[in-house]
Amino acid sequence: MLALAELGLRFDPSRLNRIATRVRRLVGSDAPRRWRAEAVARQLGMSEATLRRRLEREDTSFRRVLQEVRMGRALVLLQSSELSVVQVALEVGYDSVSQFSACFRRHFGQSPRQLRGAAPH
């Protein structure tokens, strides 16, 4: 913990109880699923309105959390697997490779193919 603190990082147990963290865990358990805020709220034992309000209090949204989970998983798959960009898109819940690529570019500043091209071989 001290080494992390020296790097400016610290463990914050309160983050574990944040609703965004709970949503990330749930969505991350099945990234390709067609997640809806209503279904997530139900699984977390609250109404959709409550889920959205609590996420807003944490300065985020359901859509943003879902996208962060999917883009994070996509990045890992692109860097650590031989899956094609099409397969990665499907694996993280996109039916359209062009939508996936556009979202990936907005999120990371480069396309999935550019990332692959920049990876060491």
PDB file of N, CA and C in Angstrom:
ATOM      1  N   MET A   1       0.821  -1.181   0.000  1.00  0.00           N
ATOM      2  CA  MET A   1       0.000   0.000   0.000  1.00  0.00           C
ATOM      3  C   MET A   1       0.875   1.258   0.000  1.00  0.00           C
ATOM      4  N   LEU A   2       1.996   1.189   0.712  1.00  0.00           N
ATOM      5  CA  LEU A   2       2.889   2.350   0.748  1.00  0.00           C
ATOM      6  C   LEU A   2       3.486   2.637  -0.623  1.00  0.00           C
ATOM      7  N   ALA A   3       3.880   1.575  -1.318  1.00  0.00           N
ATOM      8  CA  ALA A   3       4.453   1.755  -2.652  1.00  0.00           C
ATOM      9  C   ALA A   3       3.428   2.405  -3.582  1.00  0.00           C
ATOM     10  N   LEU A   4       2.171   1.973  -3.486  1.00  0.00           N
ATOM     11  CA  LEU A   4       1.122   2.577  -4.304  1.00  0.00           C
ATOM     12  C   LEU A   4       0.915   4.042  -3.916  1.00  0.00           C
ATOM     13  N   ALA A   5       0.933   4.322  -2.618  1.00  0.00           N
ATOM     14  CA  ALA A   5       0.756   5.697  -2.145  1.00  0.00           C
ATOM     15  C   ALA A   5       1.866   6.597  -2.670  1.00  0.00           C
ATOM     16  N   GLU A   6       3.092   6.075  -2.733  1.00  0.00           N
ATOM     17  CA  GLU A   6       4.211   6.862  -3.260  1.00  0.00           C
ATOM     18  C   GLU A   6       4.007   7.215  -4.730  1.00  0.00           C
ATOM     19  N   LEU A   7       3.271   6.365  -5.428  1.00  0.00           N
ATOM     20  CA  LEU A   7       2.975   6.624  -6.842  1.00  0.00           C
ATOM     21  C   LEU A   7       1.739   7.506  -7.009  1.00  0.00           C
ATOM     22  N   GLY A   8       1.169   7.908  -5.888  1.00  0.00           N
ATOM     23  CA  GLY A   8      -0.031   8.733  -5.956  1.00  0.00           C
ATOM     24  C   GLY A   8      -1.307   7.930  -6.061  1.00  0.00           C
ATOM     25  N   LEU A   9      -1.213   6.629  -5.875  1.00  0.00           N
ATOM     26  CA  LEU A   9      -2.382   5.750  -5.945  1.00  0.00           C
ATOM     27  C   LEU A   9      -2.757   5.312  -4.539  1.00  0.00           C
ATOM     28  N   ARG A  10      -4.035   5.180  -4.326  1.00  0.00           N
ATOM     29  CA  ARG A  10      -4.442   4.687  -3.019  1.00  0.00           C
ATOM     30  C   ARG A  10      -5.691   3.849  -3.165  1.00  0.00           C
ATOM     31  N   PHE A  11      -5.810   2.896  -2.279  1.00  0.00           N
ATOM     32  CA  PHE A  11      -6.975   2.035  -2.253  1.00  0.00           C
ATOM     33  C   PHE A  11      -8.086   2.767  -1.513  1.00  0.00           C
ATOM     34  N   ASP A  12      -9.207   2.886  -2.135  1.00  0.00           N
ATOM     35  CA  ASP A  12     -10.345   3.579  -1.543  1.00  0.00           C
ATOM     36  C   ASP A  12     -11.499   2.589  -1.431  1.00  0.00           C
ATOM     37  N   PRO A  13     -11.679   1.977  -0.227  1.00  0.00           N
ATOM     38  CA  PRO A  13     -12.723   0.969  -0.066  1.00  0.00           C
ATOM     39  C   PRO A  13     -14.120   1.480  -0.404  1.00  0.00           C
ATOM     40  N   SER A  14     -14.359   2.778  -0.279  1.00  0.00           N
ATOM     41  CA  SER A  14     -15.687   3.313  -0.584  1.00  0.00           C
ATOM     42  C   SER A  14     -16.025   3.145  -2.066  1.00  0.00           C
ATOM     43  N   ARG A  15     -15.003   3.049  -2.917  1.00  0.00           N
ATOM     44  CA  ARG A  15     -15.250   2.865  -4.355  1.00  0.00           C
ATOM     45  C   ARG A  15     -15.926   1.542  -4.653  1.00  0.00           C
ATOM     46  N   LEU A  16     -15.703   0.540  -3.782  1.00  0.00           N
ATOM     47  CA  LEU A  16     -16.302  -0.771  -3.991  1.00  0.00           C
ATOM     48  C   LEU A  16     -17.816  -0.722  -3.888  1.00  0.00           C
ATOM     49  N   ASN A  17     -18.327   0.222  -3.127  1.00  0.00           N
ATOM     50  CA  ASN A  17     -19.771   0.325  -2.924  1.00  0.00           C
ATOM     51  C   ASN A  17     -20.438   1.287  -3.890  1.00  0.00           C
ATOM     52  N   ARG A  18     -19.668   1.950  -4.706  1.00  0.00           N
ATOM     53  CA  ARG A  18     -20.263   2.880  -5.659  1.00  0.00           C
ATOM     54  C   ARG A  18     -21.108   2.105  -6.656  1.00  0.00           C
ATOM     55  N   ILE A  19     -22.178   2.719  -7.065  1.00  0.00           N
ATOM     56  CA  ILE A  19     -23.090   2.053  -7.983  1.00  0.00           C
ATOM     57  C   ILE A  19     -22.419   1.812  -9.339  1.00  0.00           C
ATOM     58  N   ALA A  20     -21.589   2.742  -9.796  1.00  0.00           N
ATOM     59  CA  ALA A  20     -20.899   2.549 -11.081  1.00  0.00           C
ATOM     60  C   ALA A  20     -20.007   1.316 -11.023  1.00  0.00           C
ATOM     61  N   THR A  21     -19.367   1.082  -9.889  1.00  0.00           N
ATOM     62  CA  THR A  21     -18.518  -0.106  -9.733  1.00  0.00           C
ATOM     63  C   THR A  21     -19.352  -1.371  -9.792  1.00  0.00           C
ATOM     64  N   ARG A  22     -20.508  -1.339  -9.141  1.00  0.00           N
ATOM     65  CA  ARG A  22     -21.396  -2.510  -9.164  1.00  0.00           C
ATOM     66  C   ARG A  22     -21.917  -2.769 -10.578  1.00  0.00           C
ATOM     67  N   VAL A  23     -22.255  -1.703 -11.293  1.00  0.00           N
ATOM     68  CA  VAL A  23     -22.726  -1.851 -12.678  1.00  0.00           C
ATOM     69  C   VAL A  23     -21.599  -2.403 -13.549  1.00  0.00           C
ATOM     70  N   ARG A  24     -20.375  -1.891 -13.372  1.00  0.00           N
ATOM     71  CA  ARG A  24     -19.232  -2.383 -14.161  1.00  0.00           C
ATOM     72  C   ARG A  24     -19.030  -3.885 -13.951  1.00  0.00           C
ATOM     73  N   ARG A  25     -19.097  -4.314 -12.699  1.00  0.00           N
ATOM     74  CA  ARG A  25     -18.917  -5.746 -12.413  1.00  0.00           C
ATOM     75  C   ARG A  25     -19.991  -6.573 -13.094  1.00  0.00           C
ATOM     76  N   LEU A  26     -21.237  -6.140 -12.988  1.00  0.00           N
ATOM     77  CA  LEU A  26     -22.341  -6.890 -13.579  1.00  0.00           C
ATOM     78  C   LEU A  26     -22.228  -6.937 -15.097  1.00  0.00           C
ATOM     79  N   VAL A  27     -22.040  -5.795 -15.716  1.00  0.00           N
ATOM     80  CA  VAL A  27     -21.938  -5.711 -17.173  1.00  0.00           C
ATOM     81  C   VAL A  27     -20.685  -6.449 -17.657  1.00  0.00           C
ATOM     82  N   GLY A  28     -19.595  -6.320 -16.917  1.00  0.00           N
ATOM     83  CA  GLY A  28     -18.350  -6.986 -17.298  1.00  0.00           C
ATOM     84  C   GLY A  28     -18.433  -8.494 -17.247  1.00  0.00           C
ATOM     85  N   SER A  29     -19.390  -9.016 -16.494  1.00  0.00           N
ATOM     86  CA  SER A  29     -19.543 -10.467 -16.411  1.00  0.00           C
ATOM     87  C   SER A  29     -20.085 -11.063 -17.704  1.00  0.00           C
ATOM     88  N   ASP A  30     -20.659 -10.223 -18.558  1.00  0.00           N
ATOM     89  CA  ASP A  30     -21.227 -10.683 -19.825  1.00  0.00           C
ATOM     90  C   ASP A  30     -21.287  -9.508 -20.801  1.00  0.00           C
ATOM     91  N   ALA A  31     -20.121  -9.025 -21.231  1.00  0.00           N
ATOM     92  CA  ALA A  31     -20.032  -7.816 -22.059  1.00  0.00           C
ATOM     93  C   ALA A  31     -20.855  -7.884 -23.351  1.00  0.00           C
ATOM     94  N   PRO A  32     -20.945  -9.030 -24.038  1.00  0.00           N
ATOM     95  CA  PRO A  32     -21.699  -9.034 -25.296  1.00  0.00           C
ATOM     96  C   PRO A  32     -23.219  -8.940 -25.119  1.00  0.00           C
ATOM     97  N   ARG A  33     -23.696  -9.166 -23.927  1.00  0.00           N
ATOM     98  CA  ARG A  33     -25.147  -9.151 -23.692  1.00  0.00           C
ATOM     99  C   ARG A  33     -25.734  -7.784 -24.049  1.00  0.00           C
ATOM    100  N   ARG A  34     -26.955  -7.774 -24.494  1.00  0.00           N
ATOM    101  CA  ARG A  34     -27.663  -6.537 -24.817  1.00  0.00           C
ATOM    102  C   ARG A  34     -28.216  -5.943 -23.517  1.00  0.00           C
ATOM    103  N   TRP A  35     -27.349  -5.285 -22.781  1.00  0.00           N
ATOM    104  CA  TRP A  35     -27.715  -4.744 -21.481  1.00  0.00           C
ATOM    105  C   TRP A  35     -28.656  -3.564 -21.615  1.00  0.00           C
ATOM    106  N   ARG A  36     -29.633  -3.512 -20.759  1.00  0.00           N
ATOM    107  CA  ARG A  36     -30.567  -2.396 -20.642  1.00  0.00           C
ATOM    108  C   ARG A  36     -30.517  -1.919 -19.197  1.00  0.00           C
ATOM    109  N   ALA A  37     -30.638  -0.618 -19.017  1.00  0.00           N
ATOM    110  CA  ALA A  37     -30.592  -0.044 -17.673  1.00  0.00           C
ATOM    111  C   ALA A  37     -31.655  -0.670 -16.775  1.00  0.00           C
ATOM    112  N   GLU A  38     -32.814  -0.929 -17.325  1.00  0.00           N
ATOM    113  CA  GLU A  38     -33.902  -1.521 -16.536  1.00  0.00           C
ATOM    114  C   GLU A  38     -33.509  -2.886 -15.972  1.00  0.00           C
ATOM    115  N   ALA A  39     -32.890  -3.729 -16.799  1.00  0.00           N
ATOM    116  CA  ALA A  39     -32.482  -5.066 -16.347  1.00  0.00           C
ATOM    117  C   ALA A  39     -31.371  -4.988 -15.306  1.00  0.00           C
ATOM    118  N   VAL A  40     -30.425  -4.076 -15.507  1.00  0.00           N
ATOM    119  CA  VAL A  40     -29.332  -3.904 -14.547  1.00  0.00           C
ATOM    120  C   VAL A  40     -29.890  -3.421 -13.218  1.00  0.00           C
ATOM    121  N   ALA A  41     -30.770  -2.443 -13.268  1.00  0.00           N
ATOM    122  CA  ALA A  41     -31.374  -1.909 -12.043  1.00  0.00           C
ATOM    123  C   ALA A  41     -32.098  -3.022 -11.293  1.00  0.00           C
ATOM    124  N   ARG A  42     -32.853  -3.814 -12.005  1.00  0.00           N
ATOM    125  CA  ARG A  42     -33.593  -4.925 -11.389  1.00  0.00           C
ATOM    126  C   ARG A  42     -32.635  -5.882 -10.694  1.00  0.00           C
ATOM    127  N   GLN A  43     -31.536  -6.218 -11.362  1.00  0.00           N
ATOM    128  CA  GLN A  43     -30.556  -7.141 -10.773  1.00  0.00           C
ATOM    129  C   GLN A  43     -29.862  -6.534  -9.560  1.00  0.00           C
ATOM    130  N   LEU A  44     -29.796  -5.212  -9.513  1.00  0.00           N
ATOM    131  CA  LEU A  44     -29.181  -4.536  -8.373  1.00  0.00           C
ATOM    132  C   LEU A  44     -30.206  -4.167  -7.305  1.00  0.00           C
ATOM    133  N   GLY A  45     -31.471  -4.550  -7.533  1.00  0.00           N
ATOM    134  CA  GLY A  45     -32.515  -4.340  -6.537  1.00  0.00           C
ATOM    135  C   GLY A  45     -33.001  -2.918  -6.408  1.00  0.00           C
ATOM    136  N   MET A  46     -33.105  -2.231  -7.531  1.00  0.00           N
ATOM    137  CA  MET A  46     -33.594  -0.845  -7.499  1.00  0.00           C
ATOM    138  C   MET A  46     -34.336  -0.550  -8.789  1.00  0.00           C
ATOM    139  N   SER A  47     -35.001   0.579  -8.822  1.00  0.00           N
ATOM    140  CA  SER A  47     -35.694   0.995 -10.035  1.00  0.00           C
ATOM    141  C   SER A  47     -34.685   1.586 -11.022  1.00  0.00           C
ATOM    142  N   GLU A  48     -35.095   1.641 -12.271  1.00  0.00           N
ATOM    143  CA  GLU A  48     -34.235   2.248 -13.287  1.00  0.00           C
ATOM    144  C   GLU A  48     -33.972   3.711 -12.967  1.00  0.00           C
ATOM    145  N   ALA A  49     -34.998   4.420 -12.499  1.00  0.00           N
ATOM    146  CA  ALA A  49     -34.832   5.842 -12.156  1.00  0.00           C
ATOM    147  C   ALA A  49     -33.807   6.023 -11.037  1.00  0.00           C
ATOM    148  N   THR A  50     -33.860   5.144 -10.034  1.00  0.00           N
ATOM    149  CA  THR A  50     -32.892   5.221  -8.933  1.00  0.00           C
ATOM    150  C   THR A  50     -31.484   4.943  -9.439  1.00  0.00           C
ATOM    151  N   LEU A  51     -31.342   3.937 -10.289  1.00  0.00           N
ATOM    152  CA  LEU A  51     -30.034   3.617 -10.865  1.00  0.00           C
ATOM    153  C   LEU A  51     -29.482   4.835 -11.604  1.00  0.00           C
ATOM    154  N   ARG A  52     -30.286   5.436 -12.443  1.00  0.00           N
ATOM    155  CA  ARG A  52     -29.826   6.582 -13.224  1.00  0.00           C
ATOM    156  C   ARG A  52     -29.472   7.768 -12.325  1.00  0.00           C
ATOM    157  N   ARG A  53     -30.280   8.011 -11.305  1.00  0.00           N
ATOM    158  CA  ARG A  53     -29.990   9.108 -10.367  1.00  0.00           C
ATOM    159  C   ARG A  53     -28.681   8.868  -9.625  1.00  0.00           C
ATOM    160  N   ARG A  54     -28.474   7.650  -9.165  1.00  0.00           N
ATOM    161  CA  ARG A  54     -27.255   7.344  -8.411  1.00  0.00           C
ATOM    162  C   ARG A  54     -26.022   7.427  -9.306  1.00  0.00           C
ATOM    163  N   LEU A  55     -26.139   6.975 -10.543  1.00  0.00           N
ATOM    164  CA  LEU A  55     -25.018   7.103 -11.476  1.00  0.00           C
ATOM    165  C   LEU A  55     -24.730   8.574 -11.761  1.00  0.00           C
ATOM    166  N   GLU A  56     -25.779   9.356 -11.907  1.00  0.00           N
ATOM    167  CA  GLU A  56     -25.599  10.789 -12.152  1.00  0.00           C
ATOM    168  C   GLU A  56     -24.884  11.452 -10.977  1.00  0.00           C
ATOM    169  N   ARG A  57     -25.209  11.040  -9.755  1.00  0.00           N
ATOM    170  CA  ARG A  57     -24.528  11.579  -8.570  1.00  0.00           C
ATOM    171  C   ARG A  57     -23.044  11.240  -8.584  1.00  0.00           C
ATOM    172  N   GLU A  58     -22.706  10.132  -9.244  1.00  0.00           N
ATOM    173  CA  GLU A  58     -21.301   9.735  -9.369  1.00  0.00           C
ATOM    174  C   GLU A  58     -20.687  10.304 -10.642  1.00  0.00           C
ATOM    175  N   ASP A  59     -21.400  11.226 -11.269  1.00  0.00           N
ATOM    176  CA  ASP A  59     -20.934  11.935 -12.457  1.00  0.00           C
ATOM    177  C   ASP A  59     -20.701  11.000 -13.644  1.00  0.00           C
ATOM    178  N   THR A  60     -21.606  10.047 -13.818  1.00  0.00           N
ATOM    179  CA  THR A  60     -21.530   9.145 -14.957  1.00  0.00           C
ATOM    180  C   THR A  60     -22.939   8.775 -15.381  1.00  0.00           C
ATOM    181  N   SER A  61     -23.048   7.866 -16.340  1.00  0.00           N
ATOM    182  CA  SER A  61     -24.357   7.411 -16.824  1.00  0.00           C
ATOM    183  C   SER A  61     -24.254   5.926 -17.152  1.00  0.00           C
ATOM    184  N   PHE A  62     -25.412   5.303 -17.308  1.00  0.00           N
ATOM    185  CA  PHE A  62     -25.428   3.880 -17.663  1.00  0.00           C
ATOM    186  C   PHE A  62     -24.707   3.661 -18.988  1.00  0.00           C
ATOM    187  N   ARG A  63     -25.017   4.495 -19.955  1.00  0.00           N
ATOM    188  CA  ARG A  63     -24.399   4.364 -21.277  1.00  0.00           C
ATOM    189  C   ARG A  63     -22.875   4.488 -21.195  1.00  0.00           C
ATOM    190  N   ARG A  64     -22.396   5.438 -20.412  1.00  0.00           N
ATOM    191  CA  ARG A  64     -20.951   5.647 -20.275  1.00  0.00           C
ATOM    192  C   ARG A  64     -20.279   4.442 -19.610  1.00  0.00           C
ATOM    193  N   VAL A  65     -20.884   3.927 -18.543  1.00  0.00           N
ATOM    194  CA  VAL A  65     -20.308   2.760 -17.855  1.00  0.00           C
ATOM    195  C   VAL A  65     -20.269   1.564 -18.799  1.00  0.00           C
ATOM    196  N   LEU A  66     -21.353   1.326 -19.510  1.00  0.00           N
ATOM    197  CA  LEU A  66     -21.412   0.217 -20.457  1.00  0.00           C
ATOM    198  C   LEU A  66     -20.331   0.358 -21.529  1.00  0.00           C
ATOM    199  N   GLN A  67     -20.183   1.563 -22.052  1.00  0.00           N
ATOM    200  CA  GLN A  67     -19.172   1.798 -23.078  1.00  0.00           C
ATOM    201  C   GLN A  67     -17.755   1.601 -22.524  1.00  0.00           C
ATOM    202  N   GLU A  68     -17.499   2.090 -21.311  1.00  0.00           N
ATOM    203  CA  GLU A  68     -16.174   1.917 -20.702  1.00  0.00           C
ATOM    204  C   GLU A  68     -15.830   0.442 -20.540  1.00  0.00           C
ATOM    205  N   VAL A  69     -16.792  -0.342 -20.092  1.00  0.00           N
ATOM    206  CA  VAL A  69     -16.556  -1.773 -19.918  1.00  0.00           C
ATOM    207  C   VAL A  69     -16.249  -2.418 -21.264  1.00  0.00           C
ATOM    208  N   ARG A  70     -17.065  -2.119 -22.243  1.00  0.00           N
ATOM    209  CA  ARG A  70     -16.881  -2.736 -23.571  1.00  0.00           C
ATOM    210  C   ARG A  70     -15.571  -2.301 -24.222  1.00  0.00           C
ATOM    211  N   MET A  71     -15.246  -1.029 -24.132  1.00  0.00           N
ATOM    212  CA  MET A  71     -14.006  -0.547 -24.743  1.00  0.00           C
ATOM    213  C   MET A  71     -12.782  -1.104 -24.003  1.00  0.00           C
ATOM    214  N   GLY A  72     -12.851  -1.208 -22.704  1.00  0.00           N
ATOM    215  CA  GLY A  72     -11.743  -1.796 -21.948  1.00  0.00           C
ATOM    216  C   GLY A  72     -11.514  -3.237 -22.340  1.00  0.00           C
ATOM    217  N   ARG A  73     -12.600  -3.989 -22.453  1.00  0.00           N
ATOM    218  CA  ARG A  73     -12.502  -5.398 -22.865  1.00  0.00           C
ATOM    219  C   ARG A  73     -11.972  -5.494 -24.301  1.00  0.00           C
ATOM    220  N   ALA A  74     -12.444  -4.615 -25.172  1.00  0.00           N
ATOM    221  CA  ALA A  74     -11.977  -4.613 -26.561  1.00  0.00           C
ATOM    222  C   ALA A  74     -10.473  -4.355 -26.626  1.00  0.00           C
ATOM    223  N   LEU A  75     -10.001  -3.399 -25.856  1.00  0.00           N
ATOM    224  CA  LEU A  75      -8.580  -3.078 -25.844  1.00  0.00           C
ATOM    225  C   LEU A  75      -7.758  -4.292 -25.418  1.00  0.00           C
ATOM    226  N   VAL A  76      -8.194  -4.964 -24.371  1.00  0.00           N
ATOM    227  CA  VAL A  76      -7.484  -6.158 -23.898  1.00  0.00           C
ATOM    228  C   VAL A  76      -7.473  -7.228 -24.987  1.00  0.00           C
ATOM    229  N   LEU A  77      -8.608  -7.472 -25.607  1.00  0.00           N
ATOM    230  CA  LEU A  77      -8.685  -8.506 -26.649  1.00  0.00           C
ATOM    231  C   LEU A  77      -7.824  -8.165 -27.853  1.00  0.00           C
ATOM    232  N   LEU A  78      -7.830  -6.905 -28.256  1.00  0.00           N
ATOM    233  CA  LEU A  78      -7.022  -6.507 -29.410  1.00  0.00           C
ATOM    234  C   LEU A  78      -5.529  -6.624 -29.124  1.00  0.00           C
ATOM    235  N   GLN A  79      -5.133  -6.376 -27.883  1.00  0.00           N
ATOM    236  CA  GLN A  79      -3.717  -6.426 -27.527  1.00  0.00           C
ATOM    237  C   GLN A  79      -3.232  -7.817 -27.153  1.00  0.00           C
ATOM    238  N   SER A  80      -4.144  -8.702 -26.756  1.00  0.00           N
ATOM    239  CA  SER A  80      -3.679  -9.973 -26.201  1.00  0.00           C
ATOM    240  C   SER A  80      -4.222 -11.211 -26.901  1.00  0.00           C
ATOM    241  N   SER A  81      -4.936 -11.023 -27.994  1.00  0.00           N
ATOM    242  CA  SER A  81      -5.484 -12.192 -28.686  1.00  0.00           C
ATOM    243  C   SER A  81      -5.267 -12.058 -30.185  1.00  0.00           C
ATOM    244  N   GLU A  82      -5.531 -13.120 -30.856  1.00  0.00           N
ATOM    245  CA  GLU A  82      -5.450 -13.134 -32.315  1.00  0.00           C
ATOM    246  C   GLU A  82      -6.829 -12.958 -32.954  1.00  0.00           C
ATOM    247  N   LEU A  83      -7.837 -12.629 -32.146  1.00  0.00           N
ATOM    248  CA  LEU A  83      -9.177 -12.439 -32.686  1.00  0.00           C
ATOM    249  C   LEU A  83      -9.175 -11.303 -33.703  1.00  0.00           C
ATOM    250  N   SER A  84      -9.972 -11.462 -34.752  1.00  0.00           N
ATOM    251  CA  SER A  84     -10.103 -10.395 -35.747  1.00  0.00           C
ATOM    252  C   SER A  84     -10.882  -9.233 -35.130  1.00  0.00           C
ATOM    253  N   VAL A  85     -10.831  -8.093 -35.775  1.00  0.00           N
ATOM    254  CA  VAL A  85     -11.581  -6.930 -35.307  1.00  0.00           C
ATOM    255  C   VAL A  85     -13.079  -7.250 -35.300  1.00  0.00           C
ATOM    256  N   VAL A  86     -13.539  -7.994 -36.297  1.00  0.00           N
ATOM    257  CA  VAL A  86     -14.944  -8.402 -36.344  1.00  0.00           C
ATOM    258  C   VAL A  86     -15.283  -9.254 -35.124  1.00  0.00           C
ATOM    259  N   GLN A  87     -14.433 -10.220 -34.804  1.00  0.00           N
ATOM    260  CA  GLN A  87     -14.673 -11.082 -33.649  1.00  0.00           C
ATOM    261  C   GLN A  87     -14.647 -10.288 -32.340  1.00  0.00           C
ATOM    262  N   VAL A  88     -13.742  -9.338 -32.228  1.00  0.00           N
ATOM    263  CA  VAL A  88     -13.667  -8.501 -31.026  1.00  0.00           C
ATOM    264  C   VAL A  88     -14.945  -7.681 -30.902  1.00  0.00           C
ATOM    265  N   ALA A  89     -15.391  -7.094 -31.992  1.00  0.00           N
ATOM    266  CA  ALA A  89     -16.627  -6.300 -31.969  1.00  0.00           C
ATOM    267  C   ALA A  89     -17.788  -7.141 -31.443  1.00  0.00           C
ATOM    268  N   LEU A  90     -17.922  -8.344 -31.950  1.00  0.00           N
ATOM    269  CA  LEU A  90     -18.996  -9.234 -31.498  1.00  0.00           C
ATOM    270  C   LEU A  90     -18.812  -9.622 -30.029  1.00  0.00           C
ATOM    271  N   GLU A  91     -17.585  -9.867 -29.643  1.00  0.00           N
ATOM    272  CA  GLU A  91     -17.267 -10.290 -28.276  1.00  0.00           C
ATOM    273  C   GLU A  91     -17.607  -9.220 -27.233  1.00  0.00           C
ATOM    274  N   VAL A  92     -17.609  -7.968 -27.649  1.00  0.00           N
ATOM    275  CA  VAL A  92     -17.910  -6.895 -26.696  1.00  0.00           C
ATOM    276  C   VAL A  92     -19.295  -6.278 -26.924  1.00  0.00           C
ATOM    277  N   GLY A  93     -20.123  -6.926 -27.736  1.00  0.00           N
ATOM    278  CA  GLY A  93     -21.521  -6.521 -27.832  1.00  0.00           C
ATOM    279  C   GLY A  93     -21.923  -5.657 -28.999  1.00  0.00           C
ATOM    280  N   TYR A  94     -21.088  -5.558 -30.015  1.00  0.00           N
ATOM    281  CA  TYR A  94     -21.440  -4.762 -31.195  1.00  0.00           C
ATOM    282  C   TYR A  94     -21.760  -5.696 -32.354  1.00  0.00           C
ATOM    283  N   ASP A  95     -22.878  -5.444 -33.037  1.00  0.00           N
ATOM    284  CA  ASP A  95     -23.221  -6.195 -34.243  1.00  0.00           C
ATOM    285  C   ASP A  95     -22.582  -5.572 -35.472  1.00  0.00           C
ATOM    286  N   SER A  96     -22.290  -4.288 -35.392  1.00  0.00           N
ATOM    287  CA  SER A  96     -21.741  -3.542 -36.512  1.00  0.00           C
ATOM    288  C   SER A  96     -20.275  -3.203 -36.248  1.00  0.00           C
ATOM    289  N   VAL A  97     -19.401  -3.672 -37.131  1.00  0.00           N
ATOM    290  CA  VAL A  97     -17.981  -3.383 -36.991  1.00  0.00           C
ATOM    291  C   VAL A  97     -17.719  -1.894 -37.174  1.00  0.00           C
ATOM    292  N   SER A  98     -18.474  -1.248 -38.063  1.00  0.00           N
ATOM    293  CA  SER A  98     -18.259   0.188 -38.266  1.00  0.00           C
ATOM    294  C   SER A  98     -18.643   0.978 -37.016  1.00  0.00           C
ATOM    295  N   GLN A  99     -19.741   0.605 -36.347  1.00  0.00           N
ATOM    296  CA  GLN A  99     -20.108   1.279 -35.093  1.00  0.00           C
ATOM    297  C   GLN A  99     -19.050   1.025 -34.020  1.00  0.00           C
ATOM    298  N   PHE A 100     -18.596  -0.214 -33.930  1.00  0.00           N
ATOM    299  CA  PHE A 100     -17.553  -0.558 -32.961  1.00  0.00           C
ATOM    300  C   PHE A 100     -16.289   0.266 -33.232  1.00  0.00           C
ATOM    301  N   SER A 101     -15.868   0.314 -34.478  1.00  0.00           N
ATOM    302  CA  SER A 101     -14.643   1.039 -34.831  1.00  0.00           C
ATOM    303  C   SER A 101     -14.765   2.527 -34.538  1.00  0.00           C
ATOM    304  N   ALA A 102     -15.927   3.107 -34.846  1.00  0.00           N
ATOM    305  CA  ALA A 102     -16.141   4.532 -34.574  1.00  0.00           C
ATOM    306  C   ALA A 102     -16.106   4.804 -33.074  1.00  0.00           C
ATOM    307  N   CYS A 103     -16.736   3.962 -32.300  1.00  0.00           N
ATOM    308  CA  CYS A 103     -16.740   4.120 -30.842  1.00  0.00           C
ATOM    309  C   CYS A 103     -15.323   3.955 -30.293  1.00  0.00           C
ATOM    310  N   PHE A 104     -14.601   2.966 -30.794  1.00  0.00           N
ATOM    311  CA  PHE A 104     -13.237   2.711 -30.348  1.00  0.00           C
ATOM    312  C   PHE A 104     -12.352   3.925 -30.660  1.00  0.00           C
ATOM    313  N   ARG A 105     -12.511   4.481 -31.842  1.00  0.00           N
ATOM    314  CA  ARG A 105     -11.724   5.657 -32.249  1.00  0.00           C
ATOM    315  C   ARG A 105     -12.028   6.856 -31.346  1.00  0.00           C
ATOM    316  N   ARG A 106     -13.307   7.081 -31.038  1.00  0.00           N
ATOM    317  CA  ARG A 106     -13.674   8.181 -30.129  1.00  0.00           C
ATOM    318  C   ARG A 106     -13.072   7.949 -28.739  1.00  0.00           C
ATOM    319  N   HIS A 107     -13.087   6.725 -28.302  1.00  0.00           N
ATOM    320  CA  HIS A 107     -12.634   6.404 -26.950  1.00  0.00           C
ATOM    321  C   HIS A 107     -11.112   6.448 -26.812  1.00  0.00           C
ATOM    322  N   PHE A 108     -10.393   5.906 -27.813  1.00  0.00           N
ATOM    323  CA  PHE A 108      -8.938   5.765 -27.704  1.00  0.00           C
ATOM    324  C   PHE A 108      -8.136   6.623 -28.662  1.00  0.00           C
ATOM    325  N   GLY A 109      -8.805   7.297 -29.599  1.00  0.00           N
ATOM    326  CA  GLY A 109      -8.092   8.179 -30.507  1.00  0.00           C
ATOM    327  C   GLY A 109      -7.461   7.496 -31.707  1.00  0.00           C
ATOM    328  N   GLN A 110      -7.718   6.216 -31.856  1.00  0.00           N
ATOM    329  CA  GLN A 110      -7.256   5.489 -33.042  1.00  0.00           C
ATOM    330  C   GLN A 110      -8.184   4.307 -33.283  1.00  0.00           C
ATOM    331  N   SER A 111      -8.153   3.807 -34.498  1.00  0.00           N
ATOM    332  CA  SER A 111      -9.034   2.695 -34.838  1.00  0.00           C
ATOM    333  C   SER A 111      -8.456   1.391 -34.290  1.00  0.00           C
ATOM    334  N   PRO A 112      -9.291   0.359 -34.184  1.00  0.00           N
ATOM    335  CA  PRO A 112      -8.777  -0.942 -33.750  1.00  0.00           C
ATOM    336  C   PRO A 112      -7.665  -1.456 -34.674  1.00  0.00           C
ATOM    337  N   ARG A 113      -7.812  -1.228 -35.971  1.00  0.00           N
ATOM    338  CA  ARG A 113      -6.785  -1.686 -36.918  1.00  0.00           C
ATOM    339  C   ARG A 113      -5.475  -0.919 -36.719  1.00  0.00           C
ATOM    340  N   GLN A 114      -5.578   0.381 -36.450  1.00  0.00           N
ATOM    341  CA  GLN A 114      -4.360   1.168 -36.178  1.00  0.00           C
ATOM    342  C   GLN A 114      -3.665   0.659 -34.917  1.00  0.00           C
ATOM    343  N   LEU A 115      -4.447   0.347 -33.909  1.00  0.00           N
ATOM    344  CA  LEU A 115      -3.869  -0.187 -32.673  1.00  0.00           C
ATOM    345  C   LEU A 115      -3.145  -1.497 -32.957  1.00  0.00           C
ATOM    346  N   ARG A 116      -3.770  -2.354 -33.731  1.00  0.00           N
ATOM    347  CA  ARG A 116      -3.163  -3.635 -34.080  1.00  0.00           C
ATOM    348  C   ARG A 116      -1.869  -3.421 -34.856  1.00  0.00           C
ATOM    349  N   GLY A 117      -1.879  -2.450 -35.769  1.00  0.00           N
ATOM    350  CA  GLY A 117      -0.699  -2.169 -36.566  1.00  0.00           C
ATOM    351  C   GLY A 117       0.458  -1.625 -35.749  1.00  0.00           C
ATOM    352  N   ALA A 118       0.130  -0.966 -34.627  1.00  0.00           N
ATOM    353  CA  ALA A 118       1.156  -0.372 -33.773  1.00  0.00           C
ATOM    354  C   ALA A 118       1.701  -1.350 -32.737  1.00  0.00           C
ATOM    355  N   ALA A 119       1.015  -2.489 -32.586  1.00  0.00           N
ATOM    356  CA  ALA A 119       1.433  -3.460 -31.563  1.00  0.00           C
ATOM    357  C   ALA A 119       2.752  -4.132 -31.966  1.00  0.00           C
ATOM    358  N   PRO A 120       3.637  -4.364 -30.993  1.00  0.00           N
ATOM    359  CA  PRO A 120       4.882  -5.068 -31.311  1.00  0.00           C
ATOM    360  C   PRO A 120       4.603  -6.517 -31.685  1.00  0.00           C
ATOM    361  N   HIS A 121       5.396  -7.032 -32.608  1.00  0.00           N
ATOM    362  CA  HIS A 121       5.184  -8.418 -33.079  1.00  0.00           C
ATOM    363  C   HIS A 121       6.236  -9.339 -32.511  1.00  0.00           C
TER     364      HIS A 121
END
